[in-house]
Amino acid sequence: MAVQTGTRLSGSRPAPPSRPWRELSPSDRRRIRLASGYVAAVTLLFAQPLTRLVAYALNDQLHSHIPLVPLIAGYLLYIQPQRSIAAYRGSPTSTLMFSGVGVAALAASVAFRGTLTVNDHLALTTFSYVNFIVAGGFLFLGARWMALAAFPVAFLIFMVPLPDAATDWLERASVLASAEAAAWFFKMTGTPLVRDGTVFAIPGIVLKVAQECSGLHSSWVLFITSLLASHIFLDSPWRRIVLVAFVVPLGILRNGFRILVIGLLCVHIGPEMIDSVIHHRGGPIFFVLSLGPLFLLLWWLERSEGRATFRSQRTS
């Protein structure tokens, strides 16, 4: 007997019953074996760049989440409704398209290896790997099945390191926005402030908001977290968009608040606080604080969605 597992906060979308391996048709089992073998073969072929990717991610703060991405994607595939694969035909067109993109990215990583940074080279090779995995999904499981599994499959893109150009642009944009938020916070607290762009002169010290203080890592992880939460807990597209979009002002305000706290510590305790733990290693603290408003909004959106579903059921 299959056991129904998993619930949502409001119970508006119960989890479907699971289908054990022994209940799958012979055709489903064969296609799953072929798809699994294909993924294993492609992973083995990319073993060297993937090993370098993991080592790189573990030593790079911005990309430290990468080793978790395939595990999360696999879990999302595991908990999603299971349907018969036999009803879906393979899609040669999509297979060729994604394989072509994978080949092009791999060729570019080889052709420009001497001019690429380690980050950008890994971005190209990992992007190639993800495209080959997706191509295999279309080949063995079919376009309709891939459409049903669109989110877990698309989530694999977060395995790809952000290119250097994108990182630089996002950091500069975050610095400017955070500086505006920090200036607003300083004015709210009545702290004397003379500002020149991203340079703040406050009593006893001059602060400069550098790119290293952009908070991009925390904002990037917050963005990924909001995507996961919206997919798992929300059904309404507009509510999902609201939750994910909320990350942008939340990240800016969090970073501006962090600058305020460091500045006030320097004013009221001493300028040596610029070298304190709260400055150099305080990122996780402010990240955890930013989860509060995010999950509060998620709770409100989920509850409002549950009430809307209940009303629609009563009127139907």
C-alpha atoms as a PDB file:
ATOM      1  CA  MET A   1       0.000   0.000   0.000  1.00  0.00           C
ATOM      2  CA  ALA A   2       1.393   3.405  -0.988  1.00  0.00           C
ATOM      3  CA  VAL A   3       1.734   5.927   1.814  1.00  0.00           C
ATOM      4  CA  GLN A   4       0.912   9.570   1.249  1.00  0.00           C
ATOM      5  CA  THR A   5       3.621  11.844   2.615  1.00  0.00           C
ATOM      6  CA  GLY A   6       4.342  15.571   2.770  1.00  0.00           C
ATOM      7  CA  THR A   7       2.055  18.485   3.602  1.00  0.00           C
ATOM      8  CA  ARG A   8       1.851  22.175   2.877  1.00  0.00           C
ATOM      9  CA  LEU A   9       1.391  24.874   5.481  1.00  0.00           C
ATOM     10  CA  SER A  10      -2.282  25.341   4.657  1.00  0.00           C
ATOM     11  CA  GLY A  11      -2.895  21.927   3.174  1.00  0.00           C
ATOM     12  CA  SER A  12      -4.095  23.458  -0.096  1.00  0.00           C
ATOM     13  CA  ARG A  13      -2.087  21.049  -2.265  1.00  0.00           C
ATOM     14  CA  PRO A  14      -1.522  17.632  -0.678  1.00  0.00           C
ATOM     15  CA  ALA A  15       1.441  15.617  -1.821  1.00  0.00           C
ATOM     16  CA  PRO A  16       0.639  12.803  -4.291  1.00  0.00           C
ATOM     17  CA  PRO A  17       1.134   9.187  -3.277  1.00  0.00           C
ATOM     18  CA  SER A  18       4.552   7.823  -4.151  1.00  0.00           C
ATOM     19  CA  ARG A  19       5.012   4.978  -6.632  1.00  0.00           C
ATOM     20  CA  PRO A  20       7.575   2.426  -5.429  1.00  0.00           C
ATOM     21  CA  TRP A  21       9.997   0.955  -7.948  1.00  0.00           C
ATOM     22  CA  ARG A  22       8.150  -2.384  -7.978  1.00  0.00           C
ATOM     23  CA  GLU A  23       4.939  -0.669  -9.103  1.00  0.00           C
ATOM     24  CA  LEU A  24       6.533   0.927 -12.172  1.00  0.00           C
ATOM     25  CA  SER A  25       5.891  -0.647 -15.543  1.00  0.00           C
ATOM     26  CA  PRO A  26       8.762  -2.502 -17.273  1.00  0.00           C
ATOM     27  CA  SER A  27       8.906   0.305 -19.853  1.00  0.00           C
ATOM     28  CA  ASP A  28       9.226   2.954 -17.137  1.00  0.00           C
ATOM     29  CA  ARG A  29      11.969   0.980 -15.411  1.00  0.00           C
ATOM     30  CA  ARG A  30      13.927   0.563 -18.624  1.00  0.00           C
ATOM     31  CA  ARG A  31      13.763   4.262 -19.486  1.00  0.00           C
ATOM     32  CA  ILE A  32      14.740   5.270 -15.944  1.00  0.00           C
ATOM     33  CA  ARG A  33      17.719   2.896 -16.105  1.00  0.00           C
ATOM     34  CA  LEU A  34      18.767   4.339 -19.461  1.00  0.00           C
ATOM     35  CA  ALA A  35      18.417   7.913 -18.198  1.00  0.00           C
ATOM     36  CA  SER A  36      20.342   7.093 -15.002  1.00  0.00           C
ATOM     37  CA  GLY A  37      23.086   5.379 -16.987  1.00  0.00           C
ATOM     38  CA  TYR A  38      23.321   8.367 -19.308  1.00  0.00           C
ATOM     39  CA  VAL A  39      23.645  10.802 -16.372  1.00  0.00           C
ATOM     40  CA  ALA A  40      26.313   8.603 -14.804  1.00  0.00           C
ATOM     41  CA  ALA A  41      28.239   8.402 -18.100  1.00  0.00           C
ATOM     42  CA  VAL A  42      28.135  12.171 -18.703  1.00  0.00           C
ATOM     43  CA  THR A  43      29.155  12.825 -15.088  1.00  0.00           C
ATOM     44  CA  LEU A  44      32.088  10.437 -15.494  1.00  0.00           C
ATOM     45  CA  LEU A  45      33.175  12.207 -18.691  1.00  0.00           C
ATOM     46  CA  PHE A  46      33.040  15.552 -16.874  1.00  0.00           C
ATOM     47  CA  ALA A  47      34.607  14.144 -13.691  1.00  0.00           C
ATOM     48  CA  GLN A  48      37.740  16.298 -13.894  1.00  0.00           C
ATOM     49  CA  PRO A  49      36.048  19.710 -14.373  1.00  0.00           C
ATOM     50  CA  LEU A  50      33.333  18.784 -11.853  1.00  0.00           C
ATOM     51  CA  THR A  51      35.973  17.881  -9.267  1.00  0.00           C
ATOM     52  CA  ARG A  52      37.678  21.207  -9.917  1.00  0.00           C
ATOM     53  CA  LEU A  53      34.296  22.936  -9.597  1.00  0.00           C
ATOM     54  CA  VAL A  54      33.642  21.442  -6.153  1.00  0.00           C
ATOM     55  CA  ALA A  55      37.150  22.327  -4.940  1.00  0.00           C
ATOM     56  CA  TYR A  56      36.734  25.856  -6.298  1.00  0.00           C
ATOM     57  CA  ALA A  57      33.282  26.303  -4.742  1.00  0.00           C
ATOM     58  CA  LEU A  58      34.441  25.157  -1.324  1.00  0.00           C
ATOM     59  CA  ASN A  59      37.107  27.870  -1.355  1.00  0.00           C
ATOM     60  CA  ASP A  60      35.006  30.650  -2.891  1.00  0.00           C
ATOM     61  CA  GLN A  61      32.408  32.329  -0.712  1.00  0.00           C
ATOM     62  CA  LEU A  62      30.149  33.421  -3.566  1.00  0.00           C
ATOM     63  CA  HIS A  63      29.834  29.896  -4.977  1.00  0.00           C
ATOM     64  CA  SER A  64      29.912  27.825  -1.790  1.00  0.00           C
ATOM     65  CA  HIS A  65      26.319  26.708  -2.436  1.00  0.00           C
ATOM     66  CA  ILE A  66      27.175  24.857  -5.670  1.00  0.00           C
ATOM     67  CA  PRO A  67      27.822  21.363  -4.183  1.00  0.00           C
ATOM     68  CA  LEU A  68      24.290  21.428  -2.720  1.00  0.00           C
ATOM     69  CA  VAL A  69      22.534  22.253  -5.998  1.00  0.00           C
ATOM     70  CA  PRO A  70      22.386  18.738  -7.541  1.00  0.00           C
ATOM     71  CA  LEU A  71      21.293  17.300  -4.175  1.00  0.00           C
ATOM     72  CA  ILE A  72      18.438  19.812  -3.923  1.00  0.00           C
ATOM     73  CA  ALA A  73      17.416  19.229  -7.554  1.00  0.00           C
ATOM     74  CA  GLY A  74      17.386  15.477  -6.948  1.00  0.00           C
ATOM     75  CA  TYR A  75      15.221  15.880  -3.849  1.00  0.00           C
ATOM     76  CA  LEU A  76      12.764  18.109  -5.729  1.00  0.00           C
ATOM     77  CA  LEU A  77      12.478  15.446  -8.423  1.00  0.00           C
ATOM     78  CA  TYR A  78      11.920  12.814  -5.754  1.00  0.00           C
ATOM     79  CA  ILE A  79       9.040  14.644  -4.025  1.00  0.00           C
ATOM     80  CA  GLN A  80       7.239  15.797  -7.157  1.00  0.00           C
ATOM     81  CA  PRO A  81       4.209  13.839  -8.450  1.00  0.00           C
ATOM     82  CA  GLN A  82       5.333  10.648 -10.187  1.00  0.00           C
ATOM     83  CA  ARG A  83       3.675   9.834 -13.485  1.00  0.00           C
ATOM     84  CA  SER A  84       4.133   7.077 -16.006  1.00  0.00           C
ATOM     85  CA  ILE A  85       7.068   7.833 -18.269  1.00  0.00           C
ATOM     86  CA  ALA A  86       5.838   5.383 -20.887  1.00  0.00           C
ATOM     87  CA  ALA A  87       3.178   7.874 -21.991  1.00  0.00           C
ATOM     88  CA  TYR A  88       5.813  10.423 -23.025  1.00  0.00           C
ATOM     89  CA  ARG A  89       7.879  10.117 -26.163  1.00  0.00           C
ATOM     90  CA  GLY A  90      11.446  11.334 -26.480  1.00  0.00           C
ATOM     91  CA  SER A  91      12.047  14.710 -28.095  1.00  0.00           C
ATOM     92  CA  PRO A  92      14.861  14.532 -30.693  1.00  0.00           C
ATOM     93  CA  THR A  93      14.582  18.253 -31.513  1.00  0.00           C
ATOM     94  CA  SER A  94      15.084  19.410 -27.927  1.00  0.00           C
ATOM     95  CA  THR A  95      17.798  16.788 -27.455  1.00  0.00           C
ATOM     96  CA  LEU A  96      19.741  18.142 -30.421  1.00  0.00           C
ATOM     97  CA  MET A  97      19.227  21.748 -29.337  1.00  0.00           C
ATOM     98  CA  PHE A  98      20.566  21.280 -25.810  1.00  0.00           C
ATOM     99  CA  SER A  99      23.333  18.977 -27.041  1.00  0.00           C
ATOM    100  CA  GLY A 100      24.362  21.675 -29.522  1.00  0.00           C
ATOM    101  CA  VAL A 101      24.522  24.293 -26.785  1.00  0.00           C
ATOM    102  CA  GLY A 102      26.555  21.887 -24.649  1.00  0.00           C
ATOM    103  CA  VAL A 103      29.017  21.225 -27.475  1.00  0.00           C
ATOM    104  CA  ALA A 104      29.342  24.968 -28.206  1.00  0.00           C
ATOM    105  CA  ALA A 105      30.038  25.805 -24.552  1.00  0.00           C
ATOM    106  CA  LEU A 106      32.568  22.993 -24.256  1.00  0.00           C
ATOM    107  CA  ALA A 107      34.301  24.072 -27.489  1.00  0.00           C
ATOM    108  CA  ALA A 108      34.477  27.668 -26.223  1.00  0.00           C
ATOM    109  CA  SER A 109      36.012  26.522 -22.934  1.00  0.00           C
ATOM    110  CA  VAL A 110      38.735  24.695 -24.865  1.00  0.00           C
ATOM    111  CA  ALA A 111      39.320  27.393 -27.497  1.00  0.00           C
ATOM    112  CA  PHE A 112      39.588  30.286 -25.010  1.00  0.00           C
ATOM    113  CA  ARG A 113      41.111  28.433 -22.085  1.00  0.00           C
ATOM    114  CA  GLY A 114      44.307  30.467 -22.185  1.00  0.00           C
ATOM    115  CA  THR A 115      42.438  33.774 -21.906  1.00  0.00           C
ATOM    116  CA  LEU A 116      39.721  32.775 -19.423  1.00  0.00           C
ATOM    117  CA  THR A 117      39.900  33.066 -15.658  1.00  0.00           C
ATOM    118  CA  VAL A 118      39.455  29.895 -13.631  1.00  0.00           C
ATOM    119  CA  ASN A 119      35.933  31.044 -12.738  1.00  0.00           C
ATOM    120  CA  ASP A 120      34.851  31.680 -16.324  1.00  0.00           C
ATOM    121  CA  HIS A 121      36.409  28.441 -17.579  1.00  0.00           C
ATOM    122  CA  LEU A 122      34.509  26.472 -14.942  1.00  0.00           C
ATOM    123  CA  ALA A 123      31.344  28.390 -15.810  1.00  0.00           C
ATOM    124  CA  LEU A 124      31.583  27.275 -19.449  1.00  0.00           C
ATOM    125  CA  THR A 125      32.393  23.636 -18.695  1.00  0.00           C
ATOM    126  CA  THR A 126      29.660  23.388 -16.048  1.00  0.00           C
ATOM    127  CA  PHE A 127      27.150  25.049 -18.371  1.00  0.00           C
ATOM    128  CA  SER A 128      28.085  22.456 -20.984  1.00  0.00           C
ATOM    129  CA  TYR A 129      27.577  19.637 -18.462  1.00  0.00           C
ATOM    130  CA  VAL A 130      24.131  20.931 -17.435  1.00  0.00           C
ATOM    131  CA  ASN A 131      23.034  21.161 -21.075  1.00  0.00           C
ATOM    132  CA  PHE A 132      24.124  17.569 -21.760  1.00  0.00           C
ATOM    133  CA  ILE A 133      22.164  16.409 -18.697  1.00  0.00           C
ATOM    134  CA  VAL A 134      19.058  18.254 -19.907  1.00  0.00           C
ATOM    135  CA  ALA A 135      19.517  16.813 -23.404  1.00  0.00           C
ATOM    136  CA  GLY A 136      19.498  13.320 -21.904  1.00  0.00           C
ATOM    137  CA  GLY A 137      16.267  14.088 -20.098  1.00  0.00           C
ATOM    138  CA  PHE A 138      14.570  15.051 -23.354  1.00  0.00           C
ATOM    139  CA  LEU A 139      15.996  11.976 -25.088  1.00  0.00           C
ATOM    140  CA  PHE A 140      15.018   9.314 -22.555  1.00  0.00           C
ATOM    141  CA  LEU A 141      12.099  10.838 -20.633  1.00  0.00           C
ATOM    142  CA  GLY A 142      10.451  13.107 -23.204  1.00  0.00           C
ATOM    143  CA  ALA A 143       9.444  16.750 -23.528  1.00  0.00           C
ATOM    144  CA  ARG A 144       6.191  16.441 -21.561  1.00  0.00           C
ATOM    145  CA  TRP A 145       7.946  14.790 -18.620  1.00  0.00           C
ATOM    146  CA  MET A 146      10.664  17.462 -18.723  1.00  0.00           C
ATOM    147  CA  ALA A 147       7.972  20.152 -18.703  1.00  0.00           C
ATOM    148  CA  LEU A 148       6.505  18.620 -15.534  1.00  0.00           C
ATOM    149  CA  ALA A 149       9.988  18.562 -13.993  1.00  0.00           C
ATOM    150  CA  ALA A 150      10.898  22.025 -15.282  1.00  0.00           C
ATOM    151  CA  PHE A 151      11.778  23.602 -11.934  1.00  0.00           C
ATOM    152  CA  PRO A 152      14.111  20.876 -10.584  1.00  0.00           C
ATOM    153  CA  VAL A 153      15.822  20.623 -13.972  1.00  0.00           C
ATOM    154  CA  ALA A 154      16.156  24.408 -14.357  1.00  0.00           C
ATOM    155  CA  PHE A 155      17.501  24.609 -10.792  1.00  0.00           C
ATOM    156  CA  LEU A 156      20.667  22.883 -12.032  1.00  0.00           C
ATOM    157  CA  ILE A 157      21.682  26.194 -13.638  1.00  0.00           C
ATOM    158  CA  PHE A 158      22.786  27.308 -10.161  1.00  0.00           C
ATOM    159  CA  MET A 159      25.643  24.820 -10.487  1.00  0.00           C
ATOM    160  CA  VAL A 160      27.176  27.245 -12.979  1.00  0.00           C
ATOM    161  CA  PRO A 161      29.454  29.852 -11.356  1.00  0.00           C
ATOM    162  CA  LEU A 162      28.463  33.437 -12.036  1.00  0.00           C
ATOM    163  CA  PRO A 163      30.725  34.807 -14.815  1.00  0.00           C
ATOM    164  CA  ASP A 164      33.225  37.422 -13.686  1.00  0.00           C
ATOM    165  CA  ALA A 165      31.526  40.175 -15.709  1.00  0.00           C
ATOM    166  CA  ALA A 166      28.145  39.428 -14.115  1.00  0.00           C
ATOM    167  CA  THR A 167      29.676  39.302 -10.639  1.00  0.00           C
ATOM    168  CA  ASP A 168      31.421  42.649 -11.156  1.00  0.00           C
ATOM    169  CA  TRP A 169      28.228  44.321 -12.400  1.00  0.00           C
ATOM    170  CA  LEU A 170      26.102  42.939  -9.578  1.00  0.00           C
ATOM    171  CA  GLU A 171      28.666  43.943  -6.944  1.00  0.00           C
ATOM    172  CA  ARG A 172      28.880  47.519  -8.250  1.00  0.00           C
ATOM    173  CA  ALA A 173      25.080  47.811  -8.405  1.00  0.00           C
ATOM    174  CA  SER A 174      24.774  46.401  -4.884  1.00  0.00           C
ATOM    175  CA  VAL A 175      27.394  48.820  -3.529  1.00  0.00           C
ATOM    176  CA  LEU A 176      25.575  51.845  -4.937  1.00  0.00           C
ATOM    177  CA  ALA A 177      22.168  50.689  -3.722  1.00  0.00           C
ATOM    178  CA  SER A 178      23.527  49.711  -0.285  1.00  0.00           C
ATOM    179  CA  ALA A 179      25.200  53.093   0.069  1.00  0.00           C
ATOM    180  CA  GLU A 180      21.843  54.796  -0.551  1.00  0.00           C
ATOM    181  CA  ALA A 181      20.160  52.585   2.038  1.00  0.00           C
ATOM    182  CA  ALA A 182      22.959  53.187   4.562  1.00  0.00           C
ATOM    183  CA  ALA A 183      22.736  56.970   4.094  1.00  0.00           C
ATOM    184  CA  TRP A 184      18.999  56.762   4.745  1.00  0.00           C
ATOM    185  CA  PHE A 185      19.580  54.713   7.914  1.00  0.00           C
ATOM    186  CA  PHE A 186      22.227  57.152   9.185  1.00  0.00           C
ATOM    187  CA  LYS A 187      19.814  60.054   8.700  1.00  0.00           C
ATOM    188  CA  MET A 188      17.079  58.128  10.544  1.00  0.00           C
ATOM    189  CA  THR A 189      19.398  57.649  13.543  1.00  0.00           C
ATOM    190  CA  GLY A 190      20.473  61.303  13.493  1.00  0.00           C
ATOM    191  CA  THR A 191      24.131  60.439  12.933  1.00  0.00           C
ATOM    192  CA  PRO A 192      26.111  63.401  11.502  1.00  0.00           C
ATOM    193  CA  LEU A 193      27.099  62.408   7.968  1.00  0.00           C
ATOM    194  CA  VAL A 194      29.058  63.913   5.103  1.00  0.00           C
ATOM    195  CA  ARG A 195      28.786  61.755   2.015  1.00  0.00           C
ATOM    196  CA  ASP A 196      30.692  61.638  -1.245  1.00  0.00           C
ATOM    197  CA  GLY A 197      29.267  58.789  -3.320  1.00  0.00           C
ATOM    198  CA  THR A 198      30.147  55.591  -1.480  1.00  0.00           C
ATOM    199  CA  VAL A 199      32.402  57.379   1.038  1.00  0.00           C
ATOM    200  CA  PHE A 200      30.843  58.286   4.408  1.00  0.00           C
ATOM    201  CA  ALA A 201      32.427  60.693   6.878  1.00  0.00           C
ATOM    202  CA  ILE A 202      30.910  60.150  10.316  1.00  0.00           C
ATOM    203  CA  PRO A 203      32.272  61.276  13.712  1.00  0.00           C
ATOM    204  CA  GLY A 204      35.669  59.704  14.284  1.00  0.00           C
ATOM    205  CA  ILE A 205      36.032  57.741  11.050  1.00  0.00           C
ATOM    206  CA  VAL A 206      35.630  57.772   7.263  1.00  0.00           C
ATOM    207  CA  LEU A 207      33.974  54.680   5.749  1.00  0.00           C
ATOM    208  CA  LYS A 208      34.123  53.571   2.135  1.00  0.00           C
ATOM    209  CA  VAL A 209      31.622  51.017   0.844  1.00  0.00           C
ATOM    210  CA  ALA A 210      33.846  48.813  -1.325  1.00  0.00           C
ATOM    211  CA  GLN A 211      32.820  46.020  -3.701  1.00  0.00           C
ATOM    212  CA  GLU A 212      33.966  43.500  -1.108  1.00  0.00           C
ATOM    213  CA  CYS A 213      31.168  44.889   1.095  1.00  0.00           C
ATOM    214  CA  SER A 214      28.471  44.393  -1.529  1.00  0.00           C
ATOM    215  CA  GLY A 215      26.866  41.443   0.262  1.00  0.00           C
ATOM    216  CA  LEU A 216      26.426  39.696  -3.080  1.00  0.00           C
ATOM    217  CA  HIS A 217      26.936  36.215  -1.628  1.00  0.00           C
ATOM    218  CA  SER A 218      24.167  36.659   0.946  1.00  0.00           C
ATOM    219  CA  SER A 219      21.836  38.202  -1.622  1.00  0.00           C
ATOM    220  CA  TRP A 220      22.503  35.407  -4.119  1.00  0.00           C
ATOM    221  CA  VAL A 221      21.784  32.698  -1.549  1.00  0.00           C
ATOM    222  CA  LEU A 222      18.692  34.621  -0.429  1.00  0.00           C
ATOM    223  CA  PHE A 223      17.495  34.705  -4.044  1.00  0.00           C
ATOM    224  CA  ILE A 224      17.966  30.946  -4.414  1.00  0.00           C
ATOM    225  CA  THR A 225      16.202  30.375  -1.096  1.00  0.00           C
ATOM    226  CA  SER A 226      13.223  32.464  -2.206  1.00  0.00           C
ATOM    227  CA  LEU A 227      12.951  30.486  -5.456  1.00  0.00           C
ATOM    228  CA  LEU A 228      12.915  27.198  -3.559  1.00  0.00           C
ATOM    229  CA  ALA A 229      10.392  28.433  -1.006  1.00  0.00           C
ATOM    230  CA  SER A 230       8.070  29.838  -3.662  1.00  0.00           C
ATOM    231  CA  HIS A 231       8.172  26.570  -5.603  1.00  0.00           C
ATOM    232  CA  ILE A 232       7.516  24.345  -2.578  1.00  0.00           C
ATOM    233  CA  PHE A 233       4.949  26.407  -0.681  1.00  0.00           C
ATOM    234  CA  LEU A 234       3.133  28.576  -3.242  1.00  0.00           C
ATOM    235  CA  ASP A 235       0.938  27.756  -6.245  1.00  0.00           C
ATOM    236  CA  SER A 236      -0.026  31.213  -7.503  1.00  0.00           C
ATOM    237  CA  PRO A 237       2.423  32.613 -10.088  1.00  0.00           C
ATOM    238  CA  TRP A 238       1.981  36.192  -8.904  1.00  0.00           C
ATOM    239  CA  ARG A 239       2.622  35.236  -5.279  1.00  0.00           C
ATOM    240  CA  ARG A 240       5.794  33.440  -6.327  1.00  0.00           C
ATOM    241  CA  ILE A 241       6.924  36.541  -8.228  1.00  0.00           C
ATOM    242  CA  VAL A 242       6.195  38.765  -5.213  1.00  0.00           C
ATOM    243  CA  LEU A 243       8.265  36.560  -2.891  1.00  0.00           C
ATOM    244  CA  VAL A 244      11.264  36.378  -5.248  1.00  0.00           C
ATOM    245  CA  ALA A 245      11.117  40.088  -6.135  1.00  0.00           C
ATOM    246  CA  PHE A 246      11.067  40.945  -2.411  1.00  0.00           C
ATOM    247  CA  VAL A 247      14.649  39.668  -2.181  1.00  0.00           C
ATOM    248  CA  VAL A 248      15.979  42.705  -4.077  1.00  0.00           C
ATOM    249  CA  PRO A 249      14.920  45.444  -1.620  1.00  0.00           C
ATOM    250  CA  LEU A 250      15.472  43.057   1.302  1.00  0.00           C
ATOM    251  CA  GLY A 251      19.089  42.439   0.267  1.00  0.00           C
ATOM    252  CA  ILE A 252      19.742  46.149  -0.183  1.00  0.00           C
ATOM    253  CA  LEU A 253      18.215  47.074   3.169  1.00  0.00           C
ATOM    254  CA  ARG A 254      20.088  44.248   4.923  1.00  0.00           C
ATOM    255  CA  ASN A 255      23.418  45.457   3.558  1.00  0.00           C
ATOM    256  CA  GLY A 256      22.607  49.090   4.334  1.00  0.00           C
ATOM    257  CA  PHE A 257      21.704  48.085   7.901  1.00  0.00           C
ATOM    258  CA  ARG A 258      24.991  46.231   8.232  1.00  0.00           C
ATOM    259  CA  ILE A 259      26.891  49.372   7.183  1.00  0.00           C
ATOM    260  CA  LEU A 260      24.874  51.350   9.736  1.00  0.00           C
ATOM    261  CA  VAL A 261      25.699  48.926  12.553  1.00  0.00           C
ATOM    262  CA  ILE A 262      29.419  48.990  11.745  1.00  0.00           C
ATOM    263  CA  GLY A 263      29.363  52.783  11.516  1.00  0.00           C
ATOM    264  CA  LEU A 264      27.558  53.214  14.829  1.00  0.00           C
ATOM    265  CA  LEU A 265      29.989  50.832  16.528  1.00  0.00           C
ATOM    266  CA  CYS A 266      32.876  52.965  15.240  1.00  0.00           C
ATOM    267  CA  VAL A 267      31.185  56.147  16.459  1.00  0.00           C
ATOM    268  CA  HIS A 268      30.144  54.976  19.919  1.00  0.00           C
ATOM    269  CA  ILE A 269      32.881  52.453  20.786  1.00  0.00           C
ATOM    270  CA  GLY A 270      35.843  53.427  18.656  1.00  0.00           C
ATOM    271  CA  PRO A 271      37.244  53.390  15.126  1.00  0.00           C
ATOM    272  CA  GLU A 272      38.977  50.068  15.880  1.00  0.00           C
ATOM    273  CA  MET A 273      35.550  48.417  15.416  1.00  0.00           C
ATOM    274  CA  ILE A 274      36.145  48.652  11.666  1.00  0.00           C
ATOM    275  CA  ASP A 275      38.396  45.618  12.167  1.00  0.00           C
ATOM    276  CA  SER A 276      35.947  43.789  14.411  1.00  0.00           C
ATOM    277  CA  VAL A 277      34.384  40.373  13.810  1.00  0.00           C
ATOM    278  CA  ILE A 278      31.046  42.024  13.022  1.00  0.00           C
ATOM    279  CA  HIS A 279      32.688  43.661   9.999  1.00  0.00           C
ATOM    280  CA  HIS A 280      34.847  40.862   8.650  1.00  0.00           C
ATOM    281  CA  ARG A 281      32.735  37.834   9.613  1.00  0.00           C
ATOM    282  CA  GLY A 282      29.312  39.255  10.381  1.00  0.00           C
ATOM    283  CA  GLY A 283      27.739  38.361   7.041  1.00  0.00           C
ATOM    284  CA  PRO A 284      26.015  35.158   8.259  1.00  0.00           C
ATOM    285  CA  ILE A 285      24.453  37.040  11.188  1.00  0.00           C
ATOM    286  CA  PHE A 286      22.807  39.616   8.937  1.00  0.00           C
ATOM    287  CA  PHE A 287      21.830  36.899   6.454  1.00  0.00           C
ATOM    288  CA  VAL A 288      19.945  35.033   9.197  1.00  0.00           C
ATOM    289  CA  LEU A 289      18.258  38.287  10.227  1.00  0.00           C
ATOM    290  CA  SER A 290      17.079  38.817   6.640  1.00  0.00           C
ATOM    291  CA  LEU A 291      15.448  35.373   6.618  1.00  0.00           C
ATOM    292  CA  GLY A 292      12.907  36.637   9.155  1.00  0.00           C
ATOM    293  CA  PRO A 293      11.144  39.124   6.833  1.00  0.00           C
ATOM    294  CA  LEU A 294      11.402  36.677   3.916  1.00  0.00           C
ATOM    295  CA  PHE A 295       9.697  33.830   5.772  1.00  0.00           C
ATOM    296  CA  LEU A 296       7.157  36.217   7.298  1.00  0.00           C
ATOM    297  CA  LEU A 297       6.137  37.303   3.800  1.00  0.00           C
ATOM    298  CA  LEU A 298       6.079  33.647   2.691  1.00  0.00           C
ATOM    299  CA  TRP A 299       3.790  32.801   5.617  1.00  0.00           C
ATOM    300  CA  TRP A 300       1.405  35.648   4.713  1.00  0.00           C
ATOM    301  CA  LEU A 301       1.358  34.755   1.010  1.00  0.00           C
ATOM    302  CA  GLU A 302       0.781  31.079   1.792  1.00  0.00           C
ATOM    303  CA  ARG A 303      -2.061  31.867   4.168  1.00  0.00           C
ATOM    304  CA  SER A 304      -3.696  34.275   1.719  1.00  0.00           C
ATOM    305  CA  GLU A 305      -3.404  31.621  -0.983  1.00  0.00           C
ATOM    306  CA  GLY A 306      -5.060  29.077   1.299  1.00  0.00           C
ATOM    307  CA  ARG A 307      -7.931  31.475   2.030  1.00  0.00           C
ATOM    308  CA  ALA A 308      -8.357  32.200  -1.673  1.00  0.00           C
ATOM    309  CA  THR A 309      -8.470  28.462  -2.434  1.00  0.00           C
ATOM    310  CA  PHE A 310     -11.028  27.905   0.336  1.00  0.00           C
ATOM    311  CA  ARG A 311     -13.254  30.708  -0.967  1.00  0.00           C
ATOM    312  CA  SER A 312     -13.103  29.384  -4.530  1.00  0.00           C
ATOM    313  CA  GLN A 313     -14.059  25.904  -3.306  1.00  0.00           C
ATOM    314  CA  ARG A 314     -17.030  27.278  -1.383  1.00  0.00           C
ATOM    315  CA  THR A 315     -18.331  29.256  -4.356  1.00  0.00           C
ATOM    316  CA  SER A 316     -17.869  26.426  -6.858  1.00  0.00           C
END
